[in-house]
Amino acid sequence: MTLAPDLQATAADQCAPGSSRSGCCSLSGGPMTADDAQRIAGRLKALADPTRLRLLSHVAAQGCGAVCVCDLTEEVGISQPTVSHHMKKLVDAGLLTREQRGKWAHYSVVPEAFAELQAFLDLR
């Protein structure tokens, strides 16, 4: 992904030596603990797969509602076992919860995980 030229210039100007914007390139919350780094790295690793990003976006689009794995297979065009494999990775990373309802698993987002990632990625 390439930043738009105006965003590139803004970032370069803000972080240039001698810039008056002292915190432009720093994390707003300061350094993280080893436990926080391990947890966030696991979540980012789970999100590094395009199929998992698509699946997560479909679940997140439902808000607080649960989504059946049976509905996701059609949405992303892959088999149910493959969807279940990817969903397990997202659950293991703490991004989704899984609830068994009869034959099918239903998934919901973990709002705290999204808030944590958002805070981590907010480099302002």
N, C-alpha and C. Protein backbone atom coordinates (compact mmCIF):
# COMPACT_ATOMS: atom_id res chain seq x y z
N MET A 1 0.84 -1.17 0.00
CA MET A 1 0.00 0.00 0.00
C MET A 1 0.89 1.23 0.00
N THR A 2 0.59 2.18 -0.84
CA THR A 2 1.35 3.41 -0.93
C THR A 2 0.51 4.54 -0.38
N LEU A 3 1.14 5.34 0.46
CA LEU A 3 0.45 6.51 0.99
C LEU A 3 0.30 7.55 -0.09
N ALA A 4 -0.78 8.32 -0.01
CA ALA A 4 -0.96 9.43 -0.93
C ALA A 4 0.18 10.42 -0.73
N PRO A 5 0.58 11.13 -1.79
CA PRO A 5 1.72 12.05 -1.68
C PRO A 5 1.58 13.06 -0.54
N ASP A 6 0.36 13.59 -0.32
CA ASP A 6 0.20 14.57 0.75
C ASP A 6 0.39 13.94 2.13
N LEU A 7 0.03 12.66 2.30
CA LEU A 7 0.25 11.98 3.57
C LEU A 7 1.72 11.66 3.77
N GLN A 8 2.41 11.31 2.69
CA GLN A 8 3.85 11.05 2.78
C GLN A 8 4.58 12.31 3.20
N ALA A 9 4.24 13.43 2.59
CA ALA A 9 4.89 14.69 2.92
C ALA A 9 4.61 15.08 4.36
N THR A 10 3.37 14.91 4.81
CA THR A 10 3.01 15.27 6.18
C THR A 10 3.81 14.45 7.17
N ALA A 11 3.88 13.14 6.96
CA ALA A 11 4.63 12.28 7.88
C ALA A 11 6.10 12.64 7.86
N ALA A 12 6.65 12.87 6.68
CA ALA A 12 8.07 13.21 6.59
C ALA A 12 8.35 14.55 7.26
N ASP A 13 7.47 15.53 7.07
CA ASP A 13 7.66 16.83 7.69
C ASP A 13 7.59 16.74 9.20
N GLN A 14 6.65 15.96 9.71
CA GLN A 14 6.46 15.85 11.15
C GLN A 14 7.62 15.15 11.83
N CYS A 15 8.25 14.22 11.17
CA CYS A 15 9.30 13.42 11.79
C CYS A 15 10.70 13.85 11.37
N ALA A 16 10.79 14.93 10.64
CA ALA A 16 12.09 15.41 10.19
C ALA A 16 12.92 15.89 11.38
N PRO A 17 14.24 15.69 11.32
CA PRO A 17 15.10 16.21 12.39
C PRO A 17 14.88 17.70 12.56
N GLY A 18 14.77 18.13 13.79
CA GLY A 18 14.54 19.53 14.08
C GLY A 18 13.09 19.93 14.06
N SER A 19 12.21 18.97 13.80
CA SER A 19 10.78 19.26 13.77
C SER A 19 10.32 19.62 15.17
N SER A 20 9.37 20.53 15.25
CA SER A 20 8.84 20.93 16.56
C SER A 20 7.82 19.92 17.10
N ARG A 21 7.45 18.96 16.31
CA ARG A 21 6.47 17.95 16.73
C ARG A 21 7.21 16.78 17.35
N SER A 22 7.44 16.85 18.64
CA SER A 22 8.29 15.88 19.31
C SER A 22 7.72 14.46 19.36
N GLY A 23 6.42 14.29 19.39
CA GLY A 23 5.85 12.97 19.52
C GLY A 23 5.26 12.42 18.24
N CYS A 24 5.64 12.98 17.11
CA CYS A 24 4.99 12.63 15.86
C CYS A 24 5.16 11.16 15.47
N CYS A 25 6.26 10.58 15.82
CA CYS A 25 6.52 9.20 15.38
C CYS A 25 6.57 8.24 16.55
N SER A 26 6.00 8.59 17.66
CA SER A 26 6.07 7.73 18.83
C SER A 26 4.71 7.13 19.15
N LEU A 27 4.73 6.05 19.90
CA LEU A 27 3.49 5.44 20.37
C LEU A 27 2.94 6.30 21.49
N SER A 28 1.66 6.59 21.43
CA SER A 28 1.06 7.48 22.41
C SER A 28 1.06 6.89 23.82
N GLY A 29 1.04 5.58 23.94
CA GLY A 29 0.97 4.96 25.26
C GLY A 29 2.32 4.58 25.83
N GLY A 30 3.39 4.86 25.12
CA GLY A 30 4.71 4.49 25.60
C GLY A 30 5.03 3.04 25.28
N PRO A 31 6.17 2.56 25.74
CA PRO A 31 6.58 1.19 25.45
C PRO A 31 5.60 0.18 26.05
N MET A 32 5.46 -0.96 25.39
CA MET A 32 4.54 -1.98 25.89
C MET A 32 5.31 -3.04 26.68
N THR A 33 4.57 -3.76 27.49
CA THR A 33 5.17 -4.83 28.27
C THR A 33 5.39 -6.05 27.37
N ALA A 34 6.16 -6.99 27.84
CA ALA A 34 6.42 -8.22 27.08
C ALA A 34 5.12 -8.99 26.85
N ASP A 35 4.26 -9.05 27.86
CA ASP A 35 2.98 -9.75 27.71
C ASP A 35 2.09 -9.08 26.67
N ASP A 36 2.03 -7.75 26.70
CA ASP A 36 1.23 -7.02 25.71
C ASP A 36 1.78 -7.24 24.31
N ALA A 37 3.10 -7.21 24.17
CA ALA A 37 3.72 -7.42 22.86
C ALA A 37 3.41 -8.82 22.33
N GLN A 38 3.47 -9.81 23.20
CA GLN A 38 3.17 -11.19 22.79
C GLN A 38 1.72 -11.32 22.32
N ARG A 39 0.79 -10.74 23.08
CA ARG A 39 -0.63 -10.83 22.74
C ARG A 39 -0.93 -10.10 21.43
N ILE A 40 -0.42 -8.89 21.28
CA ILE A 40 -0.68 -8.12 20.07
C ILE A 40 -0.02 -8.77 18.86
N ALA A 41 1.19 -9.29 19.02
CA ALA A 41 1.87 -9.97 17.92
C ALA A 41 1.05 -11.18 17.46
N GLY A 42 0.47 -11.92 18.39
CA GLY A 42 -0.38 -13.05 18.03
C GLY A 42 -1.60 -12.63 17.24
N ARG A 43 -2.19 -11.52 17.63
CA ARG A 43 -3.37 -11.02 16.91
C ARG A 43 -2.99 -10.53 15.52
N LEU A 44 -1.89 -9.82 15.44
CA LEU A 44 -1.44 -9.35 14.13
C LEU A 44 -1.05 -10.50 13.22
N LYS A 45 -0.47 -11.54 13.79
CA LYS A 45 -0.11 -12.73 13.00
C LYS A 45 -1.38 -13.38 12.43
N ALA A 46 -2.41 -13.47 13.23
CA ALA A 46 -3.67 -14.04 12.76
C ALA A 46 -4.27 -13.18 11.65
N LEU A 47 -4.08 -11.88 11.73
CA LEU A 47 -4.64 -10.97 10.73
C LEU A 47 -3.79 -10.88 9.46
N ALA A 48 -2.61 -11.51 9.46
CA ALA A 48 -1.71 -11.41 8.32
C ALA A 48 -2.15 -12.25 7.12
N ASP A 49 -3.22 -12.98 7.26
CA ASP A 49 -3.73 -13.81 6.17
C ASP A 49 -4.94 -13.12 5.54
N PRO A 50 -4.94 -12.91 4.22
CA PRO A 50 -6.06 -12.22 3.56
C PRO A 50 -7.42 -12.89 3.76
N THR A 51 -7.44 -14.21 3.77
CA THR A 51 -8.72 -14.91 3.98
C THR A 51 -9.25 -14.63 5.38
N ARG A 52 -8.38 -14.65 6.38
CA ARG A 52 -8.82 -14.35 7.75
C ARG A 52 -9.28 -12.91 7.88
N LEU A 53 -8.62 -12.00 7.19
CA LEU A 53 -9.08 -10.61 7.21
C LEU A 53 -10.49 -10.50 6.64
N ARG A 54 -10.73 -11.19 5.54
CA ARG A 54 -12.08 -11.16 4.94
C ARG A 54 -13.11 -11.77 5.88
N LEU A 55 -12.77 -12.92 6.47
CA LEU A 55 -13.72 -13.56 7.39
C LEU A 55 -14.01 -12.65 8.59
N LEU A 56 -12.97 -12.08 9.15
CA LEU A 56 -13.15 -11.19 10.30
C LEU A 56 -14.00 -9.99 9.92
N SER A 57 -13.79 -9.45 8.73
CA SER A 57 -14.58 -8.29 8.31
C SER A 57 -16.06 -8.64 8.17
N HIS A 58 -16.37 -9.87 7.73
CA HIS A 58 -17.77 -10.30 7.62
C HIS A 58 -18.41 -10.43 9.00
N VAL A 59 -17.67 -10.97 9.95
CA VAL A 59 -18.21 -11.09 11.31
C VAL A 59 -18.35 -9.72 11.94
N ALA A 60 -17.34 -8.87 11.79
CA ALA A 60 -17.37 -7.54 12.39
C ALA A 60 -18.48 -6.68 11.80
N ALA A 61 -18.82 -6.92 10.54
CA ALA A 61 -19.89 -6.15 9.90
C ALA A 61 -21.24 -6.40 10.56
N GLN A 62 -21.37 -7.51 11.29
CA GLN A 62 -22.62 -7.82 11.99
C GLN A 62 -22.72 -7.12 13.34
N GLY A 63 -21.68 -6.39 13.73
CA GLY A 63 -21.69 -5.72 15.02
C GLY A 63 -21.55 -6.73 16.14
N CYS A 64 -22.46 -6.66 17.09
CA CYS A 64 -22.40 -7.56 18.24
C CYS A 64 -23.09 -8.90 17.99
N GLY A 65 -23.71 -9.05 16.84
CA GLY A 65 -24.41 -10.29 16.52
C GLY A 65 -23.45 -11.40 16.13
N ALA A 66 -23.92 -12.63 16.29
CA ALA A 66 -23.12 -13.80 15.93
C ALA A 66 -23.38 -14.18 14.48
N VAL A 67 -22.36 -14.76 13.85
CA VAL A 67 -22.46 -15.20 12.45
C VAL A 67 -22.19 -16.70 12.40
N CYS A 68 -23.04 -17.41 11.69
CA CYS A 68 -22.89 -18.85 11.53
C CYS A 68 -21.81 -19.15 10.50
N VAL A 69 -20.98 -20.13 10.81
CA VAL A 69 -19.94 -20.55 9.87
C VAL A 69 -20.57 -20.97 8.55
N CYS A 70 -21.78 -21.47 8.58
CA CYS A 70 -22.46 -21.91 7.37
C CYS A 70 -22.73 -20.73 6.42
N ASP A 71 -22.87 -19.53 6.96
CA ASP A 71 -23.09 -18.35 6.12
C ASP A 71 -21.77 -17.80 5.55
N LEU A 72 -20.69 -18.05 6.24
CA LEU A 72 -19.39 -17.51 5.81
C LEU A 72 -18.82 -18.25 4.61
N THR A 73 -19.12 -19.53 4.48
CA THR A 73 -18.55 -20.30 3.36
C THR A 73 -18.98 -19.70 2.03
N GLU A 74 -20.23 -19.32 1.92
CA GLU A 74 -20.73 -18.73 0.69
C GLU A 74 -20.15 -17.33 0.47
N GLU A 75 -20.01 -16.58 1.54
CA GLU A 75 -19.50 -15.21 1.45
C GLU A 75 -18.09 -15.14 0.88
N VAL A 76 -17.22 -16.05 1.32
CA VAL A 76 -15.82 -16.00 0.88
C VAL A 76 -15.48 -17.04 -0.18
N GLY A 77 -16.41 -17.93 -0.47
CA GLY A 77 -16.21 -18.89 -1.55
C GLY A 77 -15.18 -19.98 -1.27
N ILE A 78 -15.10 -20.41 -0.01
CA ILE A 78 -14.21 -21.52 0.33
C ILE A 78 -15.00 -22.55 1.14
N SER A 79 -14.46 -23.74 1.26
CA SER A 79 -15.18 -24.83 1.91
C SER A 79 -15.34 -24.59 3.41
N GLN A 80 -16.33 -25.25 3.98
CA GLN A 80 -16.60 -25.10 5.41
C GLN A 80 -15.42 -25.54 6.28
N PRO A 81 -14.74 -26.66 5.98
CA PRO A 81 -13.59 -27.02 6.81
C PRO A 81 -12.47 -25.96 6.76
N THR A 82 -12.27 -25.36 5.60
CA THR A 82 -11.24 -24.32 5.48
C THR A 82 -11.65 -23.07 6.25
N VAL A 83 -12.92 -22.69 6.16
CA VAL A 83 -13.41 -21.56 6.94
C VAL A 83 -13.22 -21.84 8.42
N SER A 84 -13.58 -23.04 8.87
CA SER A 84 -13.45 -23.39 10.28
C SER A 84 -12.00 -23.33 10.74
N HIS A 85 -11.08 -23.76 9.89
CA HIS A 85 -9.66 -23.68 10.22
C HIS A 85 -9.24 -22.22 10.46
N HIS A 86 -9.63 -21.34 9.56
CA HIS A 86 -9.27 -19.92 9.70
C HIS A 86 -9.97 -19.29 10.91
N MET A 87 -11.20 -19.68 11.15
CA MET A 87 -11.93 -19.12 12.29
C MET A 87 -11.28 -19.54 13.60
N LYS A 88 -10.78 -20.77 13.66
CA LYS A 88 -10.09 -21.23 14.86
C LYS A 88 -8.87 -20.36 15.15
N LYS A 89 -8.14 -19.99 14.12
CA LYS A 89 -6.98 -19.12 14.29
C LYS A 89 -7.40 -17.76 14.86
N LEU A 90 -8.52 -17.24 14.39
CA LEU A 90 -9.01 -15.95 14.89
C LEU A 90 -9.51 -16.07 16.33
N VAL A 91 -10.11 -17.19 16.67
CA VAL A 91 -10.54 -17.43 18.06
C VAL A 91 -9.32 -17.57 18.96
N ASP A 92 -8.35 -18.36 18.53
CA ASP A 92 -7.13 -18.57 19.31
C ASP A 92 -6.38 -17.25 19.55
N ALA A 93 -6.48 -16.32 18.60
CA ALA A 93 -5.82 -15.02 18.73
C ALA A 93 -6.61 -14.06 19.62
N GLY A 94 -7.81 -14.50 20.05
CA GLY A 94 -8.62 -13.65 20.92
C GLY A 94 -9.43 -12.60 20.21
N LEU A 95 -9.56 -12.72 18.88
CA LEU A 95 -10.31 -11.72 18.11
C LEU A 95 -11.79 -12.07 18.00
N LEU A 96 -12.11 -13.35 18.11
CA LEU A 96 -13.50 -13.82 18.01
C LEU A 96 -13.80 -14.79 19.14
N THR A 97 -15.09 -14.92 19.43
CA THR A 97 -15.54 -15.99 20.33
C THR A 97 -16.35 -16.97 19.49
N ARG A 98 -16.41 -18.20 19.96
CA ARG A 98 -17.12 -19.27 19.25
C ARG A 98 -18.16 -19.86 20.17
N GLU A 99 -19.36 -20.03 19.64
CA GLU A 99 -20.46 -20.66 20.38
C GLU A 99 -21.06 -21.75 19.51
N GLN A 100 -21.13 -22.96 20.03
CA GLN A 100 -21.72 -24.07 19.29
C GLN A 100 -23.23 -24.03 19.46
N ARG A 101 -23.96 -24.01 18.36
CA ARG A 101 -25.42 -24.04 18.37
C ARG A 101 -25.86 -25.20 17.48
N GLY A 102 -26.12 -26.32 18.12
CA GLY A 102 -26.47 -27.51 17.35
C GLY A 102 -25.31 -27.95 16.50
N LYS A 103 -25.55 -28.09 15.20
CA LYS A 103 -24.52 -28.56 14.28
C LYS A 103 -23.48 -27.49 13.93
N TRP A 104 -23.87 -26.22 14.03
CA TRP A 104 -23.03 -25.14 13.51
C TRP A 104 -22.40 -24.29 14.61
N ALA A 105 -21.21 -23.80 14.31
CA ALA A 105 -20.53 -22.85 15.20
C ALA A 105 -20.92 -21.43 14.77
N HIS A 106 -21.11 -20.58 15.76
CA HIS A 106 -21.42 -19.17 15.53
C HIS A 106 -20.31 -18.33 16.15
N TYR A 107 -19.92 -17.27 15.45
CA TYR A 107 -18.79 -16.46 15.87
C TYR A 107 -19.21 -15.01 16.09
N SER A 108 -18.58 -14.41 17.11
CA SER A 108 -18.80 -13.00 17.43
C SER A 108 -17.46 -12.33 17.67
N VAL A 109 -17.42 -11.02 17.45
CA VAL A 109 -16.18 -10.28 17.69
C VAL A 109 -15.96 -10.09 19.19
N VAL A 110 -14.72 -9.89 19.57
CA VAL A 110 -14.35 -9.55 20.94
C VAL A 110 -14.03 -8.05 20.92
N PRO A 111 -14.96 -7.20 21.38
CA PRO A 111 -14.77 -5.75 21.28
C PRO A 111 -13.48 -5.26 21.93
N GLU A 112 -13.08 -5.86 23.03
CA GLU A 112 -11.86 -5.43 23.72
C GLU A 112 -10.61 -5.65 22.85
N ALA A 113 -10.62 -6.73 22.08
CA ALA A 113 -9.48 -7.02 21.19
C ALA A 113 -9.40 -5.96 20.09
N PHE A 114 -10.53 -5.57 19.55
CA PHE A 114 -10.54 -4.54 18.53
C PHE A 114 -10.08 -3.21 19.11
N ALA A 115 -10.52 -2.88 20.30
CA ALA A 115 -10.11 -1.64 20.95
C ALA A 115 -8.61 -1.63 21.20
N GLU A 116 -8.07 -2.77 21.62
CA GLU A 116 -6.63 -2.87 21.88
C GLU A 116 -5.83 -2.67 20.60
N LEU A 117 -6.25 -3.31 19.52
CA LEU A 117 -5.54 -3.15 18.25
C LEU A 117 -5.65 -1.72 17.74
N GLN A 118 -6.81 -1.14 17.89
CA GLN A 118 -6.99 0.24 17.46
C GLN A 118 -6.06 1.17 18.24
N ALA A 119 -5.98 0.98 19.54
CA ALA A 119 -5.09 1.81 20.36
C ALA A 119 -3.63 1.60 19.96
N PHE A 120 -3.25 0.37 19.68
CA PHE A 120 -1.88 0.08 19.29
C PHE A 120 -1.53 0.73 17.96
N LEU A 121 -2.46 0.67 17.02
CA LEU A 121 -2.21 1.20 15.68
C LEU A 121 -2.36 2.71 15.59
N ASP A 122 -2.91 3.34 16.60
CA ASP A 122 -3.06 4.79 16.62
C ASP A 122 -1.72 5.41 17.00
N LEU A 123 -0.95 5.78 16.01
CA LEU A 123 0.40 6.28 16.24
C LEU A 123 0.45 7.81 16.36
N ARG A 124 -0.68 8.42 16.61
CA ARG A 124 -0.68 9.88 16.75
C ARG A 124 -0.18 10.32 18.07
